[in-house]
Amino acid sequence: MFLILFNFGFGQKKNSIISNAIDTLLINESIKPFNGAVLITKGERKIYENFIGFSDFESKIILTQNDSFVVGSVSKQFTAALVLIEYDKGNLDLSVPIKKYLPEIKQNWSDLVTVHHLLTHMHGIESLDKPLLFEAGTQYLYSQIGYDLLAKILEKITGKGFSSLSQELFQKCGMKNTFHPDFKTNSNLVKGYTKTETEGLDFETNTFQNYPAAGSFISTAEDLHKWNSIFFEGKLFKKRTFKLLITKHKGAIRQHPVFGLTEYGYGTTIDTKDGITQYGQTGFTPGFLSMNFYFPKKKISVIVLQNVVYDLNDLKNTFFYHTEVLKIIRKNYDRI
């Protein structure tokens, strides 16, 4: 049985239209039960907050506001931020070949691939010991290894470990419950599950298979709200650098398995359909699904974190709750 908890912060009034629509969605018994956290904010005001289900199904431990989730590709925003901070300091050039920073890579493509290519998934790197899949800068291919290389570059130019750099960033942002996976013992990390063929749930042991810089950071809904108000408001960067972050870069276009044609900046998608600007990212890692979107004009955050994955063969179905919550917000955008 799933327990529904409501937690509206700061004493604000609920937006009844949005709250009722999301409540109806999340308790719909005709579809797979939602298990996770939903947080909708406008500035510092909570529009909607809800925690449903369990952090540990075996022990029947109920999810709470303090529970953290692995956020998958939302992690790329953290890595991109660290790169651009070093760029602002003059320690890193976005347009020079990565051989300058990683001379140990012996492949010829280290003279061709730039930091910009890594940030925009336009590098063509399949493996460190193989040729490029295509000429750098000519095509888009969503990548994990590119962001791992960014982490290695950061370590080279700062002389610090990537895990330490990221923790310094989170402390600066007041994100006390966000961690590099090396520090996961310090977090209230929930268990992640995948549905079995017999409709049971298996605890995932491969959650941290992704490179940390690309998809293995741990966070809470509340901390992602804090992140959005800093990262997507450009508070970490110089003005010209923030513009690079939120620019739709030429050729950085993906046929997204959930959203279709999707345009990218640095570490984030950029959607301007229907005259509404939307930044953000979805994320998947075994046992966890995440969504973190931000609407800058109204300072609205839409965060959905889930620790049960139902259908790996159909990502649109897998991200059903995430996309439906997003549809509710976009439909009612002018009312918020």
Protein backbone atom coordinates (compact mmCIF):
# COMPACT_ATOMS: atom_id res chain seq x y z
CA MET A 1 0.00 0.00 0.00
CA PHE A 2 1.29 3.46 -0.88
CA LEU A 3 1.03 6.24 1.67
CA ILE A 4 0.47 9.78 0.42
CA LEU A 5 2.07 12.59 2.38
CA PHE A 6 1.42 16.26 1.73
CA ASN A 7 3.95 18.84 2.82
CA PHE A 8 3.43 22.43 1.79
CA GLY A 9 6.21 24.73 2.90
CA PHE A 10 6.57 28.30 4.09
CA GLY A 11 2.87 28.66 4.92
CA GLN A 12 1.80 29.44 1.34
CA LYS A 13 -1.59 28.67 -0.11
CA LYS A 14 -1.87 25.76 -2.52
CA ASN A 15 -2.71 26.37 -6.14
CA SER A 16 -5.85 24.25 -6.09
CA ILE A 17 -6.10 23.67 -9.85
CA ILE A 18 -2.55 22.38 -10.10
CA SER A 19 -2.69 20.50 -6.79
CA ASN A 20 -5.92 18.74 -7.66
CA ALA A 21 -4.67 17.79 -11.12
CA ILE A 22 -1.40 16.35 -9.80
CA ASP A 23 -3.12 14.60 -6.88
CA THR A 24 -5.54 12.95 -9.29
CA LEU A 25 -2.67 11.85 -11.49
CA LEU A 26 -0.54 10.39 -8.71
CA ILE A 27 -3.27 8.37 -7.02
CA ASN A 28 -4.72 6.93 -10.23
CA GLU A 29 -4.96 3.22 -9.45
CA SER A 30 -5.45 2.24 -13.10
CA ILE A 31 -1.76 2.80 -13.84
CA LYS A 32 1.46 1.76 -12.14
CA PRO A 33 1.72 3.35 -8.69
CA PHE A 34 3.89 6.42 -8.41
CA ASN A 35 6.68 6.08 -5.85
CA GLY A 36 8.76 9.18 -5.28
CA ALA A 37 8.77 12.94 -4.75
CA VAL A 38 7.15 15.85 -6.59
CA LEU A 39 8.03 19.47 -5.89
CA ILE A 40 6.70 22.50 -7.77
CA THR A 41 7.92 25.95 -6.73
CA LYS A 42 7.62 29.53 -7.90
CA GLY A 43 10.51 31.51 -6.54
CA GLU A 44 10.66 30.59 -2.87
CA ARG A 45 6.98 29.64 -2.74
CA LYS A 46 5.98 25.98 -2.82
CA ILE A 47 3.10 25.40 -5.19
CA TYR A 48 2.98 21.67 -4.62
CA GLU A 49 4.96 19.12 -2.61
CA ASN A 50 4.20 15.45 -2.20
CA PHE A 51 6.04 12.28 -1.18
CA ILE A 52 4.41 8.97 -2.03
CA GLY A 53 5.41 5.42 -1.22
CA PHE A 54 8.54 3.92 0.23
CA SER A 55 12.24 4.59 0.38
CA ASP A 56 12.75 0.91 1.22
CA PHE A 57 10.09 -1.58 0.14
CA GLU A 58 11.52 -4.51 2.10
CA SER A 59 11.37 -2.63 5.39
CA LYS A 60 8.32 -0.53 4.40
CA ILE A 61 10.09 2.73 5.25
CA ILE A 62 7.99 5.69 4.15
CA LEU A 63 9.50 8.38 1.91
CA THR A 64 10.13 11.76 3.53
CA GLN A 65 11.23 15.24 2.53
CA ASN A 66 14.81 14.49 3.54
CA ASP A 67 15.23 11.42 1.32
CA SER A 68 17.66 11.66 -1.58
CA PHE A 69 17.65 10.08 -5.03
CA VAL A 70 20.22 9.38 -7.72
CA VAL A 71 19.40 12.04 -10.32
CA GLY A 72 20.90 10.52 -13.48
CA SER A 73 21.68 12.97 -16.26
CA VAL A 74 20.65 15.97 -14.18
CA SER A 75 24.22 15.44 -12.92
CA LYS A 76 25.51 16.93 -16.17
CA GLN A 77 24.35 20.35 -15.00
CA PHE A 78 26.69 20.15 -12.02
CA THR A 79 29.63 19.17 -14.23
CA ALA A 80 28.86 21.88 -16.78
CA ALA A 81 28.72 24.45 -13.98
CA LEU A 82 32.16 23.46 -12.70
CA VAL A 83 33.58 23.70 -16.22
CA LEU A 84 32.14 27.16 -16.79
CA ILE A 85 33.35 28.39 -13.41
CA GLU A 86 36.90 27.48 -14.43
CA TYR A 87 36.29 29.13 -17.80
CA ASP A 88 35.31 32.32 -16.01
CA LYS A 89 38.52 32.15 -14.00
CA GLY A 90 40.56 31.91 -17.19
CA ASN A 91 41.77 28.42 -16.34
CA LEU A 92 40.09 26.70 -19.26
CA ASP A 93 39.42 27.43 -22.94
CA LEU A 94 36.26 26.01 -24.48
CA SER A 95 37.58 26.04 -28.02
CA VAL A 96 41.03 24.44 -27.80
CA PRO A 97 41.65 20.71 -28.33
CA ILE A 98 41.43 18.65 -25.15
CA LYS A 99 44.98 17.38 -25.69
CA LYS A 100 46.07 20.59 -23.95
CA TYR A 101 44.50 19.31 -20.75
CA LEU A 102 44.72 15.53 -21.23
CA PRO A 103 48.03 14.87 -23.03
CA GLU A 104 47.90 11.23 -21.92
CA ILE A 105 45.19 10.53 -24.52
CA LYS A 106 47.12 9.19 -27.51
CA GLN A 107 44.29 9.05 -30.02
CA ASN A 108 44.64 11.55 -32.88
CA TRP A 109 41.22 12.96 -32.08
CA SER A 110 42.57 14.59 -28.91
CA ASP A 111 43.88 17.25 -31.32
CA LEU A 112 40.39 17.75 -32.77
CA VAL A 113 37.86 17.44 -29.94
CA THR A 114 37.32 20.58 -27.82
CA VAL A 115 35.70 21.21 -24.44
CA HIS A 116 32.78 22.75 -26.33
CA HIS A 117 32.32 19.47 -28.21
CA LEU A 118 32.26 17.55 -24.94
CA LEU A 119 29.71 19.91 -23.37
CA THR A 120 27.39 19.68 -26.38
CA HIS A 121 27.71 15.92 -27.08
CA MET A 122 29.19 16.64 -30.51
CA HIS A 123 32.58 14.96 -30.05
CA GLY A 124 32.02 11.52 -31.56
CA ILE A 125 34.04 9.68 -28.90
CA GLU A 126 32.95 6.09 -28.40
CA SER A 127 35.91 4.89 -26.35
CA LEU A 128 39.34 6.18 -25.41
CA ASP A 129 40.94 3.43 -27.47
CA LYS A 130 38.84 3.79 -30.61
CA PRO A 131 38.60 6.30 -33.48
CA LEU A 132 35.80 8.89 -33.50
CA LEU A 133 32.38 7.78 -34.70
CA PHE A 134 32.20 11.00 -36.74
CA GLU A 135 34.19 14.19 -37.23
CA ALA A 136 34.02 16.30 -34.08
CA GLY A 137 31.47 19.11 -34.34
CA THR A 138 29.57 17.65 -37.29
CA GLN A 139 26.99 15.47 -35.51
CA TYR A 140 25.22 15.02 -32.20
CA LEU A 141 25.34 11.82 -30.16
CA TYR A 142 24.22 11.86 -26.52
CA SER A 143 27.18 10.71 -24.48
CA GLN A 144 28.30 9.76 -20.99
CA ILE A 145 32.04 9.49 -21.66
CA GLY A 146 32.27 13.13 -22.77
CA TYR A 147 31.27 14.35 -19.32
CA ASP A 148 33.69 11.95 -17.66
CA LEU A 149 36.44 13.58 -19.73
CA LEU A 150 35.24 16.98 -18.52
CA ALA A 151 35.66 15.75 -14.94
CA LYS A 152 39.20 14.61 -15.74
CA ILE A 153 39.99 17.99 -17.28
CA LEU A 154 38.72 19.73 -14.15
CA GLU A 155 40.97 17.58 -12.01
CA LYS A 156 43.98 18.43 -14.16
CA ILE A 157 43.51 22.18 -14.13
CA THR A 158 42.53 22.50 -10.46
CA GLY A 159 44.70 19.82 -8.88
CA LYS A 160 41.64 18.63 -6.92
CA GLY A 161 39.56 15.49 -7.14
CA PHE A 162 36.27 15.82 -8.99
CA SER A 163 34.33 14.62 -5.95
CA SER A 164 35.88 17.36 -3.79
CA LEU A 165 35.25 20.03 -6.44
CA SER A 166 31.60 19.07 -6.64
CA GLN A 167 31.15 19.10 -2.88
CA GLU A 168 32.65 22.59 -2.74
CA LEU A 169 30.10 23.69 -5.34
CA PHE A 170 27.19 22.20 -3.40
CA GLN A 171 28.34 23.84 -0.18
CA LYS A 172 28.56 27.18 -1.99
CA CYS A 173 24.98 26.72 -3.19
CA GLY A 174 23.66 25.69 0.22
CA MET A 175 22.83 22.21 -1.06
CA LYS A 176 23.47 20.23 2.10
CA ASN A 177 21.86 17.03 0.82
CA THR A 178 23.53 16.73 -2.59
CA PHE A 179 26.54 14.45 -3.04
CA HIS A 180 29.03 12.94 -5.41
CA PRO A 181 28.53 9.14 -5.13
CA ASP A 182 31.86 8.82 -3.32
CA PHE A 183 30.06 10.51 -0.42
CA LYS A 184 26.83 8.52 -0.65
CA THR A 185 27.24 7.11 2.86
CA ASN A 186 26.55 10.65 4.10
CA SER A 187 23.15 10.89 2.42
CA ASN A 188 19.64 9.59 3.11
CA LEU A 189 19.74 7.67 -0.15
CA VAL A 190 16.59 5.70 -0.92
CA LYS A 191 16.73 2.28 -2.55
CA GLY A 192 16.11 2.09 -6.30
CA TYR A 193 13.96 -0.66 -7.81
CA THR A 194 13.15 -2.13 -11.21
CA LYS A 195 9.95 -4.01 -11.98
CA THR A 196 10.43 -7.69 -12.78
CA GLU A 197 8.60 -9.70 -15.42
CA THR A 198 6.43 -11.19 -12.67
CA GLU A 199 5.37 -7.69 -11.52
CA GLY A 200 7.63 -7.75 -8.48
CA LEU A 201 10.29 -5.16 -7.67
CA ASP A 202 14.00 -5.93 -7.65
CA PHE A 203 16.41 -3.79 -5.64
CA GLU A 204 18.93 -2.39 -8.12
CA THR A 205 22.60 -3.16 -7.56
CA ASN A 206 23.81 -1.39 -10.73
CA THR A 207 22.58 2.10 -9.92
CA PHE A 208 26.04 3.65 -10.04
CA GLN A 209 27.07 2.21 -13.40
CA ASN A 210 27.26 5.67 -15.00
CA TYR A 211 30.20 8.04 -14.76
CA PRO A 212 29.51 10.31 -11.77
CA ALA A 213 29.97 13.47 -13.87
CA ALA A 214 27.35 12.24 -16.32
CA GLY A 215 24.73 10.51 -14.23
CA SER A 216 25.41 9.42 -10.66
CA PHE A 217 25.04 12.42 -8.37
CA ILE A 218 22.65 12.21 -5.43
CA SER A 219 20.22 14.97 -4.45
CA THR A 220 16.82 15.85 -3.00
CA ALA A 221 13.88 17.71 -4.49
CA GLU A 222 14.51 20.62 -2.13
CA ASP A 223 18.17 20.88 -3.12
CA LEU A 224 17.32 20.81 -6.82
CA HIS A 225 14.96 23.72 -6.19
CA LYS A 226 17.89 25.60 -4.63
CA TRP A 227 20.09 24.62 -7.58
CA ASN A 228 17.61 25.94 -10.12
CA SER A 229 17.40 29.33 -8.44
CA ILE A 230 21.19 29.64 -8.66
CA PHE A 231 22.26 27.77 -11.80
CA PHE A 232 19.44 28.80 -14.12
CA GLU A 233 19.48 32.37 -12.85
CA GLY A 234 23.15 32.72 -13.83
CA LYS A 235 24.36 33.43 -10.30
CA LEU A 236 27.45 31.23 -10.67
CA PHE A 237 28.83 32.84 -13.83
CA LYS A 238 29.68 36.01 -15.65
CA LYS A 239 26.88 37.27 -17.87
CA ARG A 240 28.55 36.27 -21.14
CA THR A 241 29.27 32.79 -19.78
CA PHE A 242 25.68 32.27 -18.67
CA LYS A 243 24.60 33.18 -22.18
CA LEU A 244 26.76 30.33 -23.51
CA LEU A 245 25.07 27.96 -21.07
CA ILE A 246 21.53 28.77 -22.25
CA THR A 247 22.31 29.13 -25.96
CA LYS A 248 20.91 26.55 -28.36
CA HIS A 249 24.23 25.48 -29.88
CA LYS A 250 24.31 24.79 -33.60
CA GLY A 251 23.93 21.09 -34.32
CA ALA A 252 23.29 20.15 -30.68
CA ILE A 253 19.92 18.60 -31.43
CA ARG A 254 18.79 15.20 -30.20
CA GLN A 255 15.92 12.92 -31.09
CA HIS A 256 15.02 12.45 -27.45
CA PRO A 257 13.33 9.10 -26.61
CA VAL A 258 10.70 10.87 -24.49
CA PHE A 259 10.38 14.44 -25.82
CA GLY A 260 11.29 14.06 -29.48
CA LEU A 261 13.40 16.76 -31.15
CA THR A 262 15.32 18.44 -28.33
CA GLU A 263 17.88 21.26 -28.42
CA TYR A 264 20.82 21.56 -26.04
CA GLY A 265 22.95 24.22 -24.44
CA TYR A 266 25.69 23.28 -21.98
CA GLY A 267 24.48 20.49 -19.69
CA THR A 268 20.83 21.36 -20.21
CA THR A 269 18.05 21.22 -22.74
CA ILE A 270 16.45 24.44 -24.00
CA ASP A 271 12.81 24.43 -25.06
CA THR A 272 11.04 27.53 -26.38
CA LYS A 273 7.88 25.93 -27.76
CA ASP A 274 4.60 27.80 -27.35
CA GLY A 275 6.48 30.95 -26.40
CA ILE A 276 7.52 29.42 -23.05
CA THR A 277 11.21 29.12 -22.22
CA GLN A 278 12.03 25.91 -20.36
CA TYR A 279 15.46 24.73 -19.23
CA GLY A 280 16.34 21.40 -17.67
CA GLN A 281 16.90 17.70 -18.01
CA THR A 282 15.54 14.24 -17.35
CA GLY A 283 17.70 11.49 -15.95
CA PHE A 284 17.77 7.71 -15.76
CA THR A 285 20.00 5.26 -13.97
CA PRO A 286 18.99 1.74 -12.92
CA GLY A 287 16.32 2.08 -10.23
CA PHE A 288 15.87 5.84 -10.56
CA LEU A 289 14.07 8.33 -12.82
CA SER A 290 14.43 12.08 -12.46
CA MET A 291 13.15 15.27 -14.03
CA ASN A 292 14.25 18.81 -13.25
CA PHE A 293 12.88 21.68 -15.34
CA TYR A 294 12.91 25.43 -14.79
CA PHE A 295 10.85 28.20 -16.36
CA PRO A 296 13.00 31.35 -15.96
CA LYS A 297 10.35 33.96 -16.75
CA LYS A 298 8.26 32.92 -13.75
CA LYS A 299 11.03 31.22 -11.75
CA ILE A 300 9.07 27.97 -11.68
CA SER A 301 10.79 24.67 -10.83
CA VAL A 302 9.22 21.32 -11.72
CA ILE A 303 10.97 18.42 -10.01
CA VAL A 304 9.93 14.76 -10.08
CA LEU A 305 12.11 12.05 -8.54
CA GLN A 306 11.13 8.39 -8.65
CA ASN A 307 12.84 5.28 -7.26
CA VAL A 308 10.84 2.66 -9.12
CA VAL A 309 11.40 1.98 -12.84
CA TYR A 310 8.54 0.09 -14.47
CA ASP A 311 9.20 -0.37 -18.18
CA LEU A 312 12.73 -0.17 -19.59
CA ASN A 313 11.48 -1.17 -23.03
CA ASP A 314 9.30 1.93 -23.35
CA LEU A 315 10.88 5.10 -22.01
CA LYS A 316 7.81 7.22 -22.74
CA ASN A 317 5.81 4.91 -20.50
CA THR A 318 8.61 4.80 -17.95
CA PHE A 319 8.59 8.61 -17.67
CA PHE A 320 4.78 8.76 -17.68
CA TYR A 321 4.39 10.61 -14.37
CA HIS A 322 7.21 13.02 -15.12
CA THR A 323 5.82 14.07 -18.47
CA GLU A 324 2.25 14.28 -17.20
CA VAL A 325 3.26 16.55 -14.32
CA LEU A 326 5.15 18.72 -16.80
CA LYS A 327 2.07 18.88 -19.05
CA ILE A 328 -0.05 20.05 -16.11
CA ILE A 329 2.39 22.87 -15.37
CA ARG A 330 2.66 23.96 -18.99
CA LYS A 331 -1.14 23.83 -19.41
CA ASN A 332 -1.62 26.05 -16.35
CA TYR A 333 1.50 28.17 -16.88
CA ASP A 334 -0.41 31.45 -17.16
CA ARG A 335 -2.23 30.78 -13.89
CA ILE A 336 0.87 30.25 -11.81
